[in-house]
Amino acid sequence: MIKLFKCGDNMGISTDAQDEWEFLSQFSELLSGLINEGKYKNDWQFHLNSWLPQMIEICCKYRGYKANVQESRILSIGGFLPTEVEVASIDDRHKMNFNS
């Protein structure tokens, strides 16, 4: 599962994907779903400038590199309270949920 978070200008990602391939596949599907739904219309440069570097950090963590990613049962990045600002998610069955 991947969850995207946003609180003002603070953005974040969390995932429990088993590997980088699963993460990238679901992340791409989720972003394309947001775009197709018309979410954040005319503001995608800002959103991509925030979420893409975070995506790279998570990929680095999967590859074993030192990354600014907190790991517990899920991987997450960004300064936020995840349960309060989730904007979108995708689960292992590719079911998407858009909260904004």
PDB file of N, CA and C in Angstrom:
ATOM      1  N   MET A   1       0.840  -1.175   0.000  1.00  0.00           N
ATOM      2  CA  MET A   1       0.000   0.000   0.000  1.00  0.00           C
ATOM      3  C   MET A   1       0.885   1.238   0.000  1.00  0.00           C
ATOM      4  N   ILE A   2       0.437   2.239  -0.705  1.00  0.00           N
ATOM      5  CA  ILE A   2       1.094   3.542  -0.706  1.00  0.00           C
ATOM      6  C   ILE A   2       0.072   4.576  -0.307  1.00  0.00           C
ATOM      7  N   LYS A   3       0.478   5.514   0.536  1.00  0.00           N
ATOM      8  CA  LYS A   3      -0.360   6.641   0.912  1.00  0.00           C
ATOM      9  C   LYS A   3       0.410   7.923   0.644  1.00  0.00           C
ATOM     10  N   LEU A   4      -0.284   8.887   0.073  1.00  0.00           N
ATOM     11  CA  LEU A   4       0.275  10.219  -0.146  1.00  0.00           C
ATOM     12  C   LEU A   4      -0.363  11.164   0.852  1.00  0.00           C
ATOM     13  N   PHE A   5       0.443  12.058   1.402  1.00  0.00           N
ATOM     14  CA  PHE A   5      -0.020  12.993   2.416  1.00  0.00           C
ATOM     15  C   PHE A   5       0.281  14.418   1.997  1.00  0.00           C
ATOM     16  N   LYS A   6      -0.586  15.331   2.453  1.00  0.00           N
ATOM     17  CA  LYS A   6      -0.389  16.751   2.168  1.00  0.00           C
ATOM     18  C   LYS A   6      -1.060  17.542   3.277  1.00  0.00           C
ATOM     19  N   CYS A   7      -0.320  18.474   3.843  1.00  0.00           N
ATOM     20  CA  CYS A   7      -0.856  19.401   4.846  1.00  0.00           C
ATOM     21  C   CYS A   7      -0.237  20.753   4.529  1.00  0.00           C
ATOM     22  N   GLY A   8      -0.989  21.602   3.836  1.00  0.00           N
ATOM     23  CA  GLY A   8      -0.418  22.853   3.343  1.00  0.00           C
ATOM     24  C   GLY A   8       0.655  22.529   2.324  1.00  0.00           C
ATOM     25  N   ASP A   9       1.860  23.040   2.552  1.00  0.00           N
ATOM     26  CA  ASP A   9       2.979  22.768   1.652  1.00  0.00           C
ATOM     27  C   ASP A   9       3.790  21.539   2.063  1.00  0.00           C
ATOM     28  N   ASN A  10       3.449  20.905   3.175  1.00  0.00           N
ATOM     29  CA  ASN A  10       4.146  19.699   3.620  1.00  0.00           C
ATOM     30  C   ASN A  10       3.536  18.484   2.936  1.00  0.00           C
ATOM     31  N   MET A  11       4.394  17.707   2.307  1.00  0.00           N
ATOM     32  CA  MET A  11       3.941  16.527   1.569  1.00  0.00           C
ATOM     33  C   MET A  11       4.705  15.318   2.099  1.00  0.00           C
ATOM     34  N   GLY A  12       4.125  14.137   1.937  1.00  0.00           N
ATOM     35  CA  GLY A  12       4.790  12.928   2.380  1.00  0.00           C
ATOM     36  C   GLY A  12       4.249  11.689   1.689  1.00  0.00           C
ATOM     37  N   ILE A  13       4.990  10.608   1.833  1.00  0.00           N
ATOM     38  CA  ILE A  13       4.642   9.310   1.257  1.00  0.00           C
ATOM     39  C   ILE A  13       4.890   8.253   2.322  1.00  0.00           C
ATOM     40  N   SER A  14       3.998   7.273   2.396  1.00  0.00           N
ATOM     41  CA  SER A  14       4.297   6.086   3.199  1.00  0.00           C
ATOM     42  C   SER A  14       3.957   4.860   2.368  1.00  0.00           C
ATOM     43  N   THR A  15       4.653   3.764   2.651  1.00  0.00           N
ATOM     44  CA  THR A  15       4.434   2.524   1.902  1.00  0.00           C
ATOM     45  C   THR A  15       4.824   1.329   2.744  1.00  0.00           C
ATOM     46  N   ASP A  16       4.162   0.235   2.455  1.00  0.00           N
ATOM     47  CA  ASP A  16       4.595  -1.044   3.016  1.00  0.00           C
ATOM     48  C   ASP A  16       4.945  -2.012   1.889  1.00  0.00           C
ATOM     49  N   ALA A  17       5.226  -1.463   0.698  1.00  0.00           N
ATOM     50  CA  ALA A  17       5.603  -2.292  -0.453  1.00  0.00           C
ATOM     51  C   ALA A  17       6.810  -3.162  -0.095  1.00  0.00           C
ATOM     52  N   GLN A  18       6.832  -4.361  -0.624  1.00  0.00           N
ATOM     53  CA  GLN A  18       7.885  -5.316  -0.297  1.00  0.00           C
ATOM     54  C   GLN A  18       9.226  -5.007  -0.956  1.00  0.00           C
ATOM     55  N   ASP A  19       9.176  -4.311  -2.100  1.00  0.00           N
ATOM     56  CA  ASP A  19      10.423  -4.004  -2.802  1.00  0.00           C
ATOM     57  C   ASP A  19      10.233  -2.754  -3.666  1.00  0.00           C
ATOM     58  N   GLU A  20      11.321  -2.326  -4.263  1.00  0.00           N
ATOM     59  CA  GLU A  20      11.313  -1.108  -5.076  1.00  0.00           C
ATOM     60  C   GLU A  20      10.377  -1.231  -6.277  1.00  0.00           C
ATOM     61  N   TRP A  21      10.370  -2.374  -6.933  1.00  0.00           N
ATOM     62  CA  TRP A  21       9.525  -2.543  -8.106  1.00  0.00           C
ATOM     63  C   TRP A  21       8.052  -2.391  -7.746  1.00  0.00           C
ATOM     64  N   GLU A  22       7.628  -3.042  -6.669  1.00  0.00           N
ATOM     65  CA  GLU A  22       6.234  -2.935  -6.222  1.00  0.00           C
ATOM     66  C   GLU A  22       5.901  -1.480  -5.866  1.00  0.00           C
ATOM     67  N   PHE A  23       6.813  -0.822  -5.156  1.00  0.00           N
ATOM     68  CA  PHE A  23       6.604   0.576  -4.779  1.00  0.00           C
ATOM     69  C   PHE A  23       6.448   1.462  -6.014  1.00  0.00           C
ATOM     70  N   LEU A  24       7.388   1.362  -6.963  1.00  0.00           N
ATOM     71  CA  LEU A  24       7.328   2.219  -8.153  1.00  0.00           C
ATOM     72  C   LEU A  24       6.090   1.949  -9.000  1.00  0.00           C
ATOM     73  N   SER A  25       5.706   0.692  -9.125  1.00  0.00           N
ATOM     74  CA  SER A  25       4.525   0.341  -9.890  1.00  0.00           C
ATOM     75  C   SER A  25       3.269   0.969  -9.279  1.00  0.00           C
ATOM     76  N   GLN A  26       3.104   0.809  -7.965  1.00  0.00           N
ATOM     77  CA  GLN A  26       1.933   1.375  -7.291  1.00  0.00           C
ATOM     78  C   GLN A  26       1.984   2.901  -7.246  1.00  0.00           C
ATOM     79  N   PHE A  27       3.167   3.458  -7.023  1.00  0.00           N
ATOM     80  CA  PHE A  27       3.310   4.920  -6.974  1.00  0.00           C
ATOM     81  C   PHE A  27       2.929   5.535  -8.317  1.00  0.00           C
ATOM     82  N   SER A  28       3.405   4.967  -9.409  1.00  0.00           N
ATOM     83  CA  SER A  28       3.071   5.472 -10.748  1.00  0.00           C
ATOM     84  C   SER A  28       1.577   5.364 -11.016  1.00  0.00           C
ATOM     85  N   GLU A  29       0.994   4.235 -10.634  1.00  0.00           N
ATOM     86  CA  GLU A  29      -0.437   4.043 -10.827  1.00  0.00           C
ATOM     87  C   GLU A  29      -1.247   5.057 -10.014  1.00  0.00           C
ATOM     88  N   LEU A  30      -0.814   5.322  -8.790  1.00  0.00           N
ATOM     89  CA  LEU A  30      -1.524   6.263  -7.933  1.00  0.00           C
ATOM     90  C   LEU A  30      -1.426   7.689  -8.471  1.00  0.00           C
ATOM     91  N   LEU A  31      -0.229   8.112  -8.874  1.00  0.00           N
ATOM     92  CA  LEU A  31      -0.088   9.464  -9.440  1.00  0.00           C
ATOM     93  C   LEU A  31      -0.908   9.621 -10.713  1.00  0.00           C
ATOM     94  N   SER A  32      -0.879   8.624 -11.585  1.00  0.00           N
ATOM     95  CA  SER A  32      -1.658   8.732 -12.816  1.00  0.00           C
ATOM     96  C   SER A  32      -3.151   8.765 -12.501  1.00  0.00           C
ATOM     97  N   GLY A  33      -3.574   8.049 -11.463  1.00  0.00           N
ATOM     98  CA  GLY A  33      -4.970   8.093 -11.046  1.00  0.00           C
ATOM     99  C   GLY A  33      -5.379   9.473 -10.563  1.00  0.00           C
ATOM    100  N   LEU A  34      -4.515  10.110  -9.777  1.00  0.00           N
ATOM    101  CA  LEU A  34      -4.794  11.477  -9.316  1.00  0.00           C
ATOM    102  C   LEU A  34      -4.913  12.437 -10.497  1.00  0.00           C
ATOM    103  N   ILE A  35      -4.012  12.304 -11.439  1.00  0.00           N
ATOM    104  CA  ILE A  35      -4.033  13.181 -12.618  1.00  0.00           C
ATOM    105  C   ILE A  35      -5.297  12.930 -13.429  1.00  0.00           C
ATOM    106  N   ASN A  36      -5.637  11.665 -13.670  1.00  0.00           N
ATOM    107  CA  ASN A  36      -6.834  11.326 -14.446  1.00  0.00           C
ATOM    108  C   ASN A  36      -8.121  11.793 -13.773  1.00  0.00           C
ATOM    109  N   GLU A  37      -8.119  11.845 -12.438  1.00  0.00           N
ATOM    110  CA  GLU A  37      -9.288  12.315 -11.692  1.00  0.00           C
ATOM    111  C   GLU A  37      -9.378  13.842 -11.662  1.00  0.00           C
ATOM    112  N   GLY A  38      -8.344  14.517 -12.168  1.00  0.00           N
ATOM    113  CA  GLY A  38      -8.340  15.978 -12.182  1.00  0.00           C
ATOM    114  C   GLY A  38      -7.951  16.614 -10.854  1.00  0.00           C
ATOM    115  N   LYS A  39      -7.345  15.831  -9.965  1.00  0.00           N
ATOM    116  CA  LYS A  39      -6.902  16.377  -8.680  1.00  0.00           C
ATOM    117  C   LYS A  39      -5.691  17.286  -8.895  1.00  0.00           C
ATOM    118  N   TYR A  40      -5.629  18.363  -8.142  1.00  0.00           N
ATOM    119  CA  TYR A  40      -4.504  19.317  -8.168  1.00  0.00           C
ATOM    120  C   TYR A  40      -4.261  19.880  -9.559  1.00  0.00           C
ATOM    121  N   LYS A  41      -5.328  20.064 -10.319  1.00  0.00           N
ATOM    122  CA  LYS A  41      -5.226  20.606 -11.673  1.00  0.00           C
ATOM    123  C   LYS A  41      -4.461  21.924 -11.639  1.00  0.00           C
ATOM    124  N   ASN A  42      -3.558  22.095 -12.576  1.00  0.00           N
ATOM    125  CA  ASN A  42      -2.715  23.291 -12.722  1.00  0.00           C
ATOM    126  C   ASN A  42      -1.732  23.485 -11.570  1.00  0.00           C
ATOM    127  N   ASP A  43      -1.543  22.481 -10.718  1.00  0.00           N
ATOM    128  CA  ASP A  43      -0.603  22.605  -9.608  1.00  0.00           C
ATOM    129  C   ASP A  43       0.338  21.400  -9.544  1.00  0.00           C
ATOM    130  N   TRP A  44       0.443  20.653 -10.654  1.00  0.00           N
ATOM    131  CA  TRP A  44       1.231  19.430 -10.626  1.00  0.00           C
ATOM    132  C   TRP A  44       2.727  19.672 -10.538  1.00  0.00           C
ATOM    133  N   GLN A  45       3.221  20.791 -11.016  1.00  0.00           N
ATOM    134  CA  GLN A  45       4.655  21.052 -10.880  1.00  0.00           C
ATOM    135  C   GLN A  45       5.029  21.103  -9.400  1.00  0.00           C
ATOM    136  N   PHE A  46       4.230  21.782  -8.590  1.00  0.00           N
ATOM    137  CA  PHE A  46       4.489  21.849  -7.150  1.00  0.00           C
ATOM    138  C   PHE A  46       4.440  20.457  -6.524  1.00  0.00           C
ATOM    139  N   HIS A  47       3.403  19.681  -6.853  1.00  0.00           N
ATOM    140  CA  HIS A  47       3.250  18.366  -6.254  1.00  0.00           C
ATOM    141  C   HIS A  47       4.371  17.416  -6.680  1.00  0.00           C
ATOM    142  N   LEU A  48       4.740  17.431  -7.948  1.00  0.00           N
ATOM    143  CA  LEU A  48       5.832  16.574  -8.414  1.00  0.00           C
ATOM    144  C   LEU A  48       7.168  17.001  -7.808  1.00  0.00           C
ATOM    145  N   ASN A  49       7.372  18.310  -7.632  1.00  0.00           N
ATOM    146  CA  ASN A  49       8.607  18.793  -7.001  1.00  0.00           C
ATOM    147  C   ASN A  49       8.731  18.299  -5.567  1.00  0.00           C
ATOM    148  N   SER A  50       7.623  18.001  -4.925  1.00  0.00           N
ATOM    149  CA  SER A  50       7.658  17.481  -3.555  1.00  0.00           C
ATOM    150  C   SER A  50       7.709  15.957  -3.521  1.00  0.00           C
ATOM    151  N   TRP A  51       6.798  15.310  -4.250  1.00  0.00           N
ATOM    152  CA  TRP A  51       6.693  13.850  -4.152  1.00  0.00           C
ATOM    153  C   TRP A  51       7.785  13.095  -4.893  1.00  0.00           C
ATOM    154  N   LEU A  52       8.296  13.605  -6.011  1.00  0.00           N
ATOM    155  CA  LEU A  52       9.314  12.847  -6.749  1.00  0.00           C
ATOM    156  C   LEU A  52      10.629  12.705  -5.972  1.00  0.00           C
ATOM    157  N   PRO A  53      11.158  13.764  -5.342  1.00  0.00           N
ATOM    158  CA  PRO A  53      12.373  13.555  -4.535  1.00  0.00           C
ATOM    159  C   PRO A  53      12.140  12.570  -3.384  1.00  0.00           C
ATOM    160  N   GLN A  54      10.953  12.588  -2.802  1.00  0.00           N
ATOM    161  CA  GLN A  54      10.649  11.641  -1.733  1.00  0.00           C
ATOM    162  C   GLN A  54      10.580  10.219  -2.271  1.00  0.00           C
ATOM    163  N   MET A  55      10.037  10.065  -3.474  1.00  0.00           N
ATOM    164  CA  MET A  55      10.001   8.755  -4.125  1.00  0.00           C
ATOM    165  C   MET A  55      11.427   8.230  -4.310  1.00  0.00           C
ATOM    166  N   ILE A  56      12.324   9.104  -4.733  1.00  0.00           N
ATOM    167  CA  ILE A  56      13.723   8.710  -4.933  1.00  0.00           C
ATOM    168  C   ILE A  56      14.355   8.283  -3.612  1.00  0.00           C
ATOM    169  N   GLU A  57      14.090   9.017  -2.536  1.00  0.00           N
ATOM    170  CA  GLU A  57      14.631   8.655  -1.222  1.00  0.00           C
ATOM    171  C   GLU A  57      14.164   7.262  -0.800  1.00  0.00           C
ATOM    172  N   ILE A  58      12.893   6.969  -1.021  1.00  0.00           N
ATOM    173  CA  ILE A  58      12.380   5.640  -0.665  1.00  0.00           C
ATOM    174  C   ILE A  58      13.048   4.567  -1.524  1.00  0.00           C
ATOM    175  N   CYS A  59      13.240   4.831  -2.810  1.00  0.00           N
ATOM    176  CA  CYS A  59      13.937   3.870  -3.677  1.00  0.00           C
ATOM    177  C   CYS A  59      15.368   3.647  -3.192  1.00  0.00           C
ATOM    178  N   CYS A  60      16.037   4.708  -2.779  1.00  0.00           N
ATOM    179  CA  CYS A  60      17.394   4.566  -2.239  1.00  0.00           C
ATOM    180  C   CYS A  60      17.387   3.681  -0.998  1.00  0.00           C
ATOM    181  N   LYS A  61      16.384   3.837  -0.154  1.00  0.00           N
ATOM    182  CA  LYS A  61      16.270   3.003   1.050  1.00  0.00           C
ATOM    183  C   LYS A  61      16.100   1.534   0.663  1.00  0.00           C
ATOM    184  N   TYR A  62      15.255   1.267  -0.335  1.00  0.00           N
ATOM    185  CA  TYR A  62      15.091  -0.115  -0.798  1.00  0.00           C
ATOM    186  C   TYR A  62      16.414  -0.676  -1.315  1.00  0.00           C
ATOM    187  N   ARG A  63      17.231   0.157  -1.915  1.00  0.00           N
ATOM    188  CA  ARG A  63      18.507  -0.302  -2.472  1.00  0.00           C
ATOM    189  C   ARG A  63      19.603  -0.411  -1.426  1.00  0.00           C
ATOM    190  N   GLY A  64      19.311  -0.013  -0.201  1.00  0.00           N
ATOM    191  CA  GLY A  64      20.287  -0.139   0.869  1.00  0.00           C
ATOM    192  C   GLY A  64      21.165   1.074   1.075  1.00  0.00           C
ATOM    193  N   TYR A  65      20.886   2.162   0.382  1.00  0.00           N
ATOM    194  CA  TYR A  65      21.660   3.380   0.556  1.00  0.00           C
ATOM    195  C   TYR A  65      21.169   4.141   1.774  1.00  0.00           C
ATOM    196  N   LYS A  66      22.034   4.990   2.298  1.00  0.00           N
ATOM    197  CA  LYS A  66      21.625   5.872   3.382  1.00  0.00           C
ATOM    198  C   LYS A  66      20.613   6.861   2.813  1.00  0.00           C
ATOM    199  N   ALA A  67      19.455   6.956   3.447  1.00  0.00           N
ATOM    200  CA  ALA A  67      18.391   7.825   2.957  1.00  0.00           C
ATOM    201  C   ALA A  67      17.674   8.453   4.140  1.00  0.00           C
ATOM    202  N   ASN A  68      17.071   9.595   3.899  1.00  0.00           N
ATOM    203  CA  ASN A  68      16.334  10.312   4.930  1.00  0.00           C
ATOM    204  C   ASN A  68      14.918   9.739   5.035  1.00  0.00           C
ATOM    205  N   VAL A  69      14.825   8.444   5.327  1.00  0.00           N
ATOM    206  CA  VAL A  69      13.551   7.740   5.391  1.00  0.00           C
ATOM    207  C   VAL A  69      13.449   7.069   6.749  1.00  0.00           C
ATOM    208  N   GLN A  70      12.302   7.233   7.407  1.00  0.00           N
ATOM    209  CA  GLN A  70      12.056   6.569   8.673  1.00  0.00           C
ATOM    210  C   GLN A  70      11.451   5.203   8.379  1.00  0.00           C
ATOM    211  N   GLU A  71      11.971   4.183   9.041  1.00  0.00           N
ATOM    212  CA  GLU A  71      11.463   2.836   8.790  1.00  0.00           C
ATOM    213  C   GLU A  71      10.966   2.219  10.084  1.00  0.00           C
ATOM    214  N   SER A  72       9.760   1.714  10.040  1.00  0.00           N
ATOM    215  CA  SER A  72       9.219   0.890  11.116  1.00  0.00           C
ATOM    216  C   SER A  72       8.547  -0.289  10.430  1.00  0.00           C
ATOM    217  N   ARG A  73       7.246  -0.323  10.399  1.00  0.00           N
ATOM    218  CA  ARG A  73       6.550  -1.347   9.637  1.00  0.00           C
ATOM    219  C   ARG A  73       6.272  -0.848   8.223  1.00  0.00           C
ATOM    220  N   ILE A  74       6.338   0.459   8.034  1.00  0.00           N
ATOM    221  CA  ILE A  74       6.157   1.082   6.731  1.00  0.00           C
ATOM    222  C   ILE A  74       7.284   2.076   6.520  1.00  0.00           C
ATOM    223  N   LEU A  75       7.530   2.457   5.280  1.00  0.00           N
ATOM    224  CA  LEU A  75       8.488   3.499   4.977  1.00  0.00           C
ATOM    225  C   LEU A  75       7.720   4.795   4.814  1.00  0.00           C
ATOM    226  N   SER A  76       8.197   5.876   5.428  1.00  0.00           N
ATOM    227  CA  SER A  76       7.519   7.164   5.292  1.00  0.00           C
ATOM    228  C   SER A  76       8.543   8.279   5.245  1.00  0.00           C
ATOM    229  N   ILE A  77       8.128   9.393   4.656  1.00  0.00           N
ATOM    230  CA  ILE A  77       8.989  10.558   4.571  1.00  0.00           C
ATOM    231  C   ILE A  77       8.102  11.797   4.588  1.00  0.00           C
ATOM    232  N   GLY A  78       8.555  12.835   5.226  1.00  0.00           N
ATOM    233  CA  GLY A  78       7.806  14.083   5.294  1.00  0.00           C
ATOM    234  C   GLY A  78       7.408  14.387   6.729  1.00  0.00           C
ATOM    235  N   GLY A  79       7.271  15.654   7.050  1.00  0.00           N
ATOM    236  CA  GLY A  79       6.898  16.071   8.393  1.00  0.00           C
ATOM    237  C   GLY A  79       5.392  16.247   8.502  1.00  0.00           C
ATOM    238  N   PHE A  80       4.680  15.229   8.983  1.00  0.00           N
ATOM    239  CA  PHE A  80       3.231  15.277   9.036  1.00  0.00           C
ATOM    240  C   PHE A  80       2.726  14.235  10.015  1.00  0.00           C
ATOM    241  N   LEU A  81       1.461  14.319  10.345  1.00  0.00           N
ATOM    242  CA  LEU A  81       0.784  13.271  11.090  1.00  0.00           C
ATOM    243  C   LEU A  81      -0.024  12.463  10.081  1.00  0.00           C
ATOM    244  N   PRO A  82       0.451  11.300   9.675  1.00  0.00           N
ATOM    245  CA  PRO A  82      -0.137  10.564   8.557  1.00  0.00           C
ATOM    246  C   PRO A  82      -1.638  10.339   8.636  1.00  0.00           C
ATOM    247  N   THR A  83      -2.180  10.069   9.798  1.00  0.00           N
ATOM    248  CA  THR A  83      -3.599   9.746   9.867  1.00  0.00           C
ATOM    249  C   THR A  83      -4.488  10.958   9.644  1.00  0.00           C
ATOM    250  N   GLU A  84      -3.942  12.166   9.686  1.00  0.00           N
ATOM    251  CA  GLU A  84      -4.762  13.362   9.586  1.00  0.00           C
ATOM    252  C   GLU A  84      -4.768  14.007   8.212  1.00  0.00           C
ATOM    253  N   VAL A  85      -3.822  13.698   7.343  1.00  0.00           N
ATOM    254  CA  VAL A  85      -3.689  14.451   6.095  1.00  0.00           C
ATOM    255  C   VAL A  85      -3.548  13.577   4.851  1.00  0.00           C
ATOM    256  N   GLU A  86      -3.994  12.355   4.919  1.00  0.00           N
ATOM    257  CA  GLU A  86      -3.884  11.469   3.756  1.00  0.00           C
ATOM    258  C   GLU A  86      -4.751  12.004   2.620  1.00  0.00           C
ATOM    259  N   VAL A  87      -4.166  12.112   1.418  1.00  0.00           N
ATOM    260  CA  VAL A  87      -4.913  12.609   0.259  1.00  0.00           C
ATOM    261  C   VAL A  87      -5.229  11.511  -0.751  1.00  0.00           C
ATOM    262  N   ALA A  88      -4.436  10.451  -0.780  1.00  0.00           N
ATOM    263  CA  ALA A  88      -4.665   9.376  -1.740  1.00  0.00           C
ATOM    264  C   ALA A  88      -3.943   8.123  -1.280  1.00  0.00           C
ATOM    265  N   SER A  89      -4.494   6.975  -1.684  1.00  0.00           N
ATOM    266  CA  SER A  89      -3.831   5.712  -1.374  1.00  0.00           C
ATOM    267  C   SER A  89      -4.169   4.694  -2.452  1.00  0.00           C
ATOM    268  N   ILE A  90      -3.317   3.659  -2.511  1.00  0.00           N
ATOM    269  CA  ILE A  90      -3.553   2.515  -3.398  1.00  0.00           C
ATOM    270  C   ILE A  90      -3.147   1.282  -2.618  1.00  0.00           C
ATOM    271  N   ASP A  91      -3.967   0.233  -2.707  1.00  0.00           N
ATOM    272  CA  ASP A  91      -3.631  -0.981  -1.970  1.00  0.00           C
ATOM    273  C   ASP A  91      -3.054  -2.039  -2.908  1.00  0.00           C
ATOM    274  N   ASP A  92      -2.759  -3.202  -2.350  1.00  0.00           N
ATOM    275  CA  ASP A  92      -2.119  -4.265  -3.122  1.00  0.00           C
ATOM    276  C   ASP A  92      -3.003  -4.815  -4.230  1.00  0.00           C
ATOM    277  N   ARG A  93      -4.301  -4.557  -4.154  1.00  0.00           N
ATOM    278  CA  ARG A  93      -5.227  -4.976  -5.219  1.00  0.00           C
ATOM    279  C   ARG A  93      -5.464  -3.866  -6.224  1.00  0.00           C
ATOM    280  N   HIS A  94      -4.671  -2.801  -6.124  1.00  0.00           N
ATOM    281  CA  HIS A  94      -4.728  -1.643  -7.022  1.00  0.00           C
ATOM    282  C   HIS A  94      -6.002  -0.835  -6.861  1.00  0.00           C
ATOM    283  N   LYS A  95      -6.656  -0.916  -5.694  1.00  0.00           N
ATOM    284  CA  LYS A  95      -7.820  -0.088  -5.412  1.00  0.00           C
ATOM    285  C   LYS A  95      -7.325   1.269  -4.931  1.00  0.00           C
ATOM    286  N   MET A  96      -7.742   2.334  -5.645  1.00  0.00           N
ATOM    287  CA  MET A  96      -7.318   3.684  -5.293  1.00  0.00           C
ATOM    288  C   MET A  96      -8.395   4.391  -4.480  1.00  0.00           C
ATOM    289  N   ASN A  97      -7.938   5.238  -3.562  1.00  0.00           N
ATOM    290  CA  ASN A  97      -8.828   6.053  -2.757  1.00  0.00           C
ATOM    291  C   ASN A  97      -8.296   7.479  -2.779  1.00  0.00           C
ATOM    292  N   PHE A  98      -9.139   8.416  -3.170  1.00  0.00           N
ATOM    293  CA  PHE A  98      -8.770   9.837  -3.214  1.00  0.00           C
ATOM    294  C   PHE A  98      -9.571  10.579  -2.159  1.00  0.00           C
ATOM    295  N   ASN A  99      -8.867  11.208  -1.229  1.00  0.00           N
ATOM    296  CA  ASN A  99      -9.529  11.879  -0.120  1.00  0.00           C
ATOM    297  C   ASN A  99      -9.649  13.377  -0.292  1.00  0.00           C
ATOM    298  N   SER A 100      -9.041  13.938  -1.292  1.00  0.00           N
ATOM    299  CA  SER A 100      -9.099  15.395  -1.436  1.00  0.00           C
ATOM    300  C   SER A 100      -9.998  15.793  -2.572  1.00  0.00           C
TER     301      SER A 100
END
